[in-house]
Amino acid sequence: MFTYTQEEKRFVVFNQEETEIGEVTWSTAGDSMIIIDHTYVDDKYRGQGIAEKLVSLVVSYAREHHKKIIPLCPFAKKEFDRKKEYQDILK
């Protein structure tokens, strides 16, 4: 199983050996916006929904803090294009 934790401006995922295997990072634009700028998952762990989970954690964080998201990262942009439930948080 994987462990997800929040750090300063990123969510990180660790494997069972507590090795970091992925992350999503963002920057802020003013008080009301988050810019997702990078999503990464180690090649060995791709295809397991980890990157999707990382983006969903940022979406939850943004909703909780009343912010909108600009998905500059190509993967995050794809997630926003695919998931209608994210449209309320899209800037």
N, C-alpha and C. Protein backbone atom coordinates (compact mmCIF):
# COMPACT_ATOMS: atom_id res chain seq x y z
N MET A 1 0.84 -1.19 0.00
CA MET A 1 0.00 0.00 0.00
C MET A 1 0.88 1.24 0.00
N PHE A 2 0.31 2.35 -0.41
CA PHE A 2 1.06 3.59 -0.52
C PHE A 2 0.63 4.57 0.56
N THR A 3 1.55 5.44 0.94
CA THR A 3 1.27 6.48 1.93
C THR A 3 1.42 7.83 1.25
N TYR A 4 0.41 8.68 1.41
CA TYR A 4 0.43 10.01 0.84
C TYR A 4 0.55 11.03 1.97
N THR A 5 1.45 12.00 1.81
CA THR A 5 1.61 13.04 2.81
C THR A 5 1.70 14.40 2.14
N GLN A 6 1.31 15.42 2.88
CA GLN A 6 1.42 16.77 2.37
C GLN A 6 2.65 17.44 2.97
N GLU A 7 3.39 18.10 2.13
CA GLU A 7 4.51 18.93 2.56
C GLU A 7 4.18 20.36 2.16
N GLU A 8 5.15 21.25 2.19
CA GLU A 8 4.92 22.67 1.93
C GLU A 8 3.95 22.93 0.77
N LYS A 9 4.38 22.77 -0.45
CA LYS A 9 3.52 22.98 -1.61
C LYS A 9 3.59 21.76 -2.52
N ARG A 10 3.42 20.59 -1.90
CA ARG A 10 3.40 19.36 -2.67
C ARG A 10 2.78 18.24 -1.83
N PHE A 11 2.25 17.26 -2.55
CA PHE A 11 1.86 16.00 -1.94
C PHE A 11 2.86 14.97 -2.45
N VAL A 12 3.26 14.07 -1.55
CA VAL A 12 4.26 13.06 -1.84
C VAL A 12 3.66 11.69 -1.57
N VAL A 13 4.08 10.70 -2.35
CA VAL A 13 3.63 9.33 -2.13
C VAL A 13 4.86 8.47 -1.88
N PHE A 14 4.72 7.57 -0.90
CA PHE A 14 5.80 6.67 -0.51
C PHE A 14 5.33 5.23 -0.68
N ASN A 15 6.27 4.35 -1.02
CA ASN A 15 5.95 2.92 -1.11
C ASN A 15 6.04 2.29 0.28
N GLN A 16 5.92 0.97 0.34
CA GLN A 16 5.94 0.25 1.62
C GLN A 16 7.27 0.37 2.34
N GLU A 17 8.34 0.60 1.59
CA GLU A 17 9.67 0.74 2.20
C GLU A 17 9.95 2.19 2.60
N GLU A 18 8.90 3.04 2.50
CA GLU A 18 8.98 4.46 2.84
C GLU A 18 9.93 5.23 1.92
N THR A 19 10.05 4.77 0.67
CA THR A 19 10.81 5.47 -0.35
C THR A 19 9.85 6.34 -1.15
N GLU A 20 10.24 7.59 -1.39
CA GLU A 20 9.40 8.48 -2.19
C GLU A 20 9.34 7.97 -3.63
N ILE A 21 8.10 7.81 -4.13
CA ILE A 21 7.94 7.29 -5.48
C ILE A 21 7.17 8.24 -6.39
N GLY A 22 6.70 9.35 -5.86
CA GLY A 22 5.96 10.28 -6.68
C GLY A 22 5.62 11.55 -5.95
N GLU A 23 5.20 12.56 -6.74
CA GLU A 23 4.83 13.84 -6.14
C GLU A 23 3.98 14.64 -7.11
N VAL A 24 3.25 15.59 -6.56
CA VAL A 24 2.61 16.64 -7.33
C VAL A 24 2.99 17.94 -6.62
N THR A 25 3.41 18.93 -7.39
CA THR A 25 3.82 20.21 -6.80
C THR A 25 2.97 21.33 -7.36
N TRP A 26 2.88 22.40 -6.59
CA TRP A 26 2.13 23.56 -7.03
C TRP A 26 2.76 24.83 -6.50
N SER A 27 2.40 25.92 -7.12
CA SER A 27 2.77 27.24 -6.63
C SER A 27 1.46 28.01 -6.44
N THR A 28 1.55 29.11 -5.76
CA THR A 28 0.36 29.93 -5.55
C THR A 28 0.44 31.18 -6.42
N ALA A 29 -0.71 31.65 -6.82
CA ALA A 29 -0.83 32.89 -7.58
C ALA A 29 -1.83 33.76 -6.84
N GLY A 30 -1.31 34.63 -6.01
CA GLY A 30 -2.19 35.43 -5.18
C GLY A 30 -2.80 34.59 -4.08
N ASP A 31 -3.88 35.10 -3.53
CA ASP A 31 -4.53 34.40 -2.42
C ASP A 31 -5.56 33.37 -2.86
N SER A 32 -5.91 33.40 -4.15
CA SER A 32 -7.05 32.59 -4.55
C SER A 32 -6.75 31.50 -5.58
N MET A 33 -5.49 31.36 -6.00
CA MET A 33 -5.20 30.38 -7.05
C MET A 33 -4.01 29.50 -6.72
N ILE A 34 -4.11 28.26 -7.19
CA ILE A 34 -3.03 27.28 -7.12
C ILE A 34 -2.70 26.89 -8.56
N ILE A 35 -1.42 26.81 -8.87
CA ILE A 35 -0.98 26.37 -10.19
C ILE A 35 -0.27 25.03 -10.03
N ILE A 36 -0.90 23.97 -10.53
CA ILE A 36 -0.25 22.65 -10.50
C ILE A 36 0.79 22.66 -11.61
N ASP A 37 2.07 22.53 -11.23
CA ASP A 37 3.13 22.66 -12.21
C ASP A 37 3.90 21.37 -12.49
N HIS A 38 3.67 20.33 -11.71
CA HIS A 38 4.47 19.11 -11.91
C HIS A 38 3.78 17.93 -11.24
N THR A 39 3.69 16.83 -11.97
CA THR A 39 3.22 15.55 -11.42
C THR A 39 4.21 14.49 -11.88
N TYR A 40 4.66 13.66 -10.94
CA TYR A 40 5.64 12.63 -11.27
C TYR A 40 5.35 11.37 -10.47
N VAL A 41 5.47 10.23 -11.16
CA VAL A 41 5.42 8.92 -10.51
C VAL A 41 6.54 8.07 -11.12
N ASP A 42 7.31 7.41 -10.26
CA ASP A 42 8.39 6.53 -10.71
C ASP A 42 7.83 5.52 -11.72
N ASP A 43 8.61 5.25 -12.76
CA ASP A 43 8.18 4.35 -13.83
C ASP A 43 7.66 3.00 -13.32
N LYS A 44 8.27 2.46 -12.26
CA LYS A 44 7.87 1.15 -11.74
C LYS A 44 6.45 1.16 -11.17
N TYR A 45 5.93 2.33 -10.84
CA TYR A 45 4.64 2.42 -10.17
C TYR A 45 3.55 3.04 -11.03
N ARG A 46 3.86 3.34 -12.27
CA ARG A 46 2.86 3.95 -13.15
C ARG A 46 1.76 2.95 -13.50
N GLY A 47 0.61 3.49 -13.83
CA GLY A 47 -0.52 2.65 -14.20
C GLY A 47 -1.32 2.13 -13.02
N GLN A 48 -1.05 2.64 -11.83
CA GLN A 48 -1.75 2.18 -10.63
C GLN A 48 -2.66 3.25 -10.03
N GLY A 49 -2.85 4.37 -10.75
CA GLY A 49 -3.74 5.41 -10.26
C GLY A 49 -3.10 6.38 -9.27
N ILE A 50 -1.79 6.30 -9.13
CA ILE A 50 -1.10 7.14 -8.14
C ILE A 50 -1.14 8.61 -8.55
N ALA A 51 -0.84 8.91 -9.80
CA ALA A 51 -0.84 10.31 -10.25
C ALA A 51 -2.25 10.90 -10.14
N GLU A 52 -3.26 10.12 -10.48
CA GLU A 52 -4.64 10.58 -10.35
C GLU A 52 -4.96 10.93 -8.90
N LYS A 53 -4.51 10.08 -7.99
CA LYS A 53 -4.73 10.33 -6.56
C LYS A 53 -4.02 11.60 -6.12
N LEU A 54 -2.80 11.81 -6.58
CA LEU A 54 -2.05 13.02 -6.23
C LEU A 54 -2.80 14.27 -6.68
N VAL A 55 -3.29 14.27 -7.90
CA VAL A 55 -4.05 15.43 -8.39
C VAL A 55 -5.33 15.60 -7.57
N SER A 56 -5.99 14.52 -7.23
CA SER A 56 -7.22 14.63 -6.44
C SER A 56 -6.95 15.21 -5.06
N LEU A 57 -5.77 14.94 -4.51
CA LEU A 57 -5.42 15.53 -3.21
C LEU A 57 -5.26 17.05 -3.31
N VAL A 58 -4.70 17.53 -4.42
CA VAL A 58 -4.59 18.97 -4.62
C VAL A 58 -5.98 19.59 -4.80
N VAL A 59 -6.84 18.90 -5.53
CA VAL A 59 -8.21 19.39 -5.71
C VAL A 59 -8.90 19.52 -4.35
N SER A 60 -8.78 18.50 -3.51
CA SER A 60 -9.39 18.55 -2.18
C SER A 60 -8.81 19.69 -1.35
N TYR A 61 -7.49 19.85 -1.42
CA TYR A 61 -6.81 20.93 -0.70
C TYR A 61 -7.34 22.29 -1.17
N ALA A 62 -7.45 22.47 -2.48
CA ALA A 62 -7.94 23.74 -3.03
C ALA A 62 -9.37 24.02 -2.60
N ARG A 63 -10.21 23.01 -2.63
CA ARG A 63 -11.60 23.20 -2.20
C ARG A 63 -11.65 23.59 -0.73
N GLU A 64 -10.88 22.91 0.07
CA GLU A 64 -10.85 23.18 1.52
C GLU A 64 -10.38 24.61 1.81
N HIS A 65 -9.48 25.13 0.98
CA HIS A 65 -8.92 26.46 1.21
C HIS A 65 -9.53 27.52 0.28
N HIS A 66 -10.63 27.16 -0.39
CA HIS A 66 -11.38 28.10 -1.24
C HIS A 66 -10.50 28.74 -2.31
N LYS A 67 -9.79 27.88 -3.04
CA LYS A 67 -8.90 28.33 -4.12
C LYS A 67 -9.31 27.67 -5.42
N LYS A 68 -8.95 28.29 -6.51
CA LYS A 68 -9.14 27.73 -7.85
C LYS A 68 -7.80 27.17 -8.33
N ILE A 69 -7.85 26.29 -9.32
CA ILE A 69 -6.63 25.64 -9.82
C ILE A 69 -6.42 25.95 -11.30
N ILE A 70 -5.17 26.25 -11.62
CA ILE A 70 -4.72 26.32 -13.00
C ILE A 70 -3.82 25.10 -13.22
N PRO A 71 -4.24 24.14 -14.02
CA PRO A 71 -3.43 22.93 -14.23
C PRO A 71 -2.45 23.10 -15.39
N LEU A 72 -1.26 23.62 -15.11
CA LEU A 72 -0.24 23.79 -16.15
C LEU A 72 0.46 22.49 -16.49
N CYS A 73 0.62 21.63 -15.52
CA CYS A 73 1.23 20.32 -15.75
C CYS A 73 0.36 19.55 -16.76
N PRO A 74 0.96 18.98 -17.80
CA PRO A 74 0.17 18.25 -18.81
C PRO A 74 -0.70 17.13 -18.23
N PHE A 75 -0.18 16.40 -17.25
CA PHE A 75 -0.99 15.32 -16.67
C PHE A 75 -2.19 15.90 -15.92
N ALA A 76 -1.96 16.93 -15.11
CA ALA A 76 -3.06 17.55 -14.36
C ALA A 76 -4.08 18.13 -15.33
N LYS A 77 -3.63 18.75 -16.39
CA LYS A 77 -4.55 19.30 -17.39
C LYS A 77 -5.43 18.20 -17.96
N LYS A 78 -4.82 17.07 -18.26
CA LYS A 78 -5.57 15.93 -18.79
C LYS A 78 -6.63 15.46 -17.78
N GLU A 79 -6.27 15.44 -16.52
CA GLU A 79 -7.23 15.04 -15.48
C GLU A 79 -8.41 16.02 -15.42
N PHE A 80 -8.12 17.31 -15.51
CA PHE A 80 -9.18 18.31 -15.48
C PHE A 80 -10.06 18.21 -16.72
N ASP A 81 -9.48 17.88 -17.85
CA ASP A 81 -10.26 17.72 -19.08
C ASP A 81 -11.17 16.50 -18.98
N ARG A 82 -10.71 15.44 -18.33
CA ARG A 82 -11.45 14.18 -18.22
C ARG A 82 -12.53 14.19 -17.15
N LYS A 83 -12.29 14.89 -16.06
CA LYS A 83 -13.16 14.77 -14.88
C LYS A 83 -14.06 16.00 -14.72
N LYS A 84 -15.30 15.80 -15.03
CA LYS A 84 -16.29 16.89 -14.92
C LYS A 84 -16.41 17.39 -13.49
N GLU A 85 -16.18 16.52 -12.53
CA GLU A 85 -16.32 16.93 -11.13
C GLU A 85 -15.24 17.92 -10.68
N TYR A 86 -14.24 18.16 -11.51
CA TYR A 86 -13.20 19.13 -11.18
C TYR A 86 -13.50 20.52 -11.76
N GLN A 87 -14.52 20.64 -12.58
CA GLN A 87 -14.74 21.90 -13.28
C GLN A 87 -15.07 23.06 -12.35
N ASP A 88 -15.64 22.79 -11.18
CA ASP A 88 -15.98 23.87 -10.25
C ASP A 88 -14.73 24.53 -9.66
N ILE A 89 -13.62 23.84 -9.68
CA ILE A 89 -12.39 24.33 -9.05
C ILE A 89 -11.40 24.87 -10.10
N LEU A 90 -11.75 24.71 -11.38
CA LEU A 90 -10.87 25.12 -12.48
C LEU A 90 -10.92 26.64 -12.67
N LYS A 91 -9.74 27.23 -12.81
CA LYS A 91 -9.66 28.67 -13.06
C LYS A 91 -9.58 28.90 -14.55
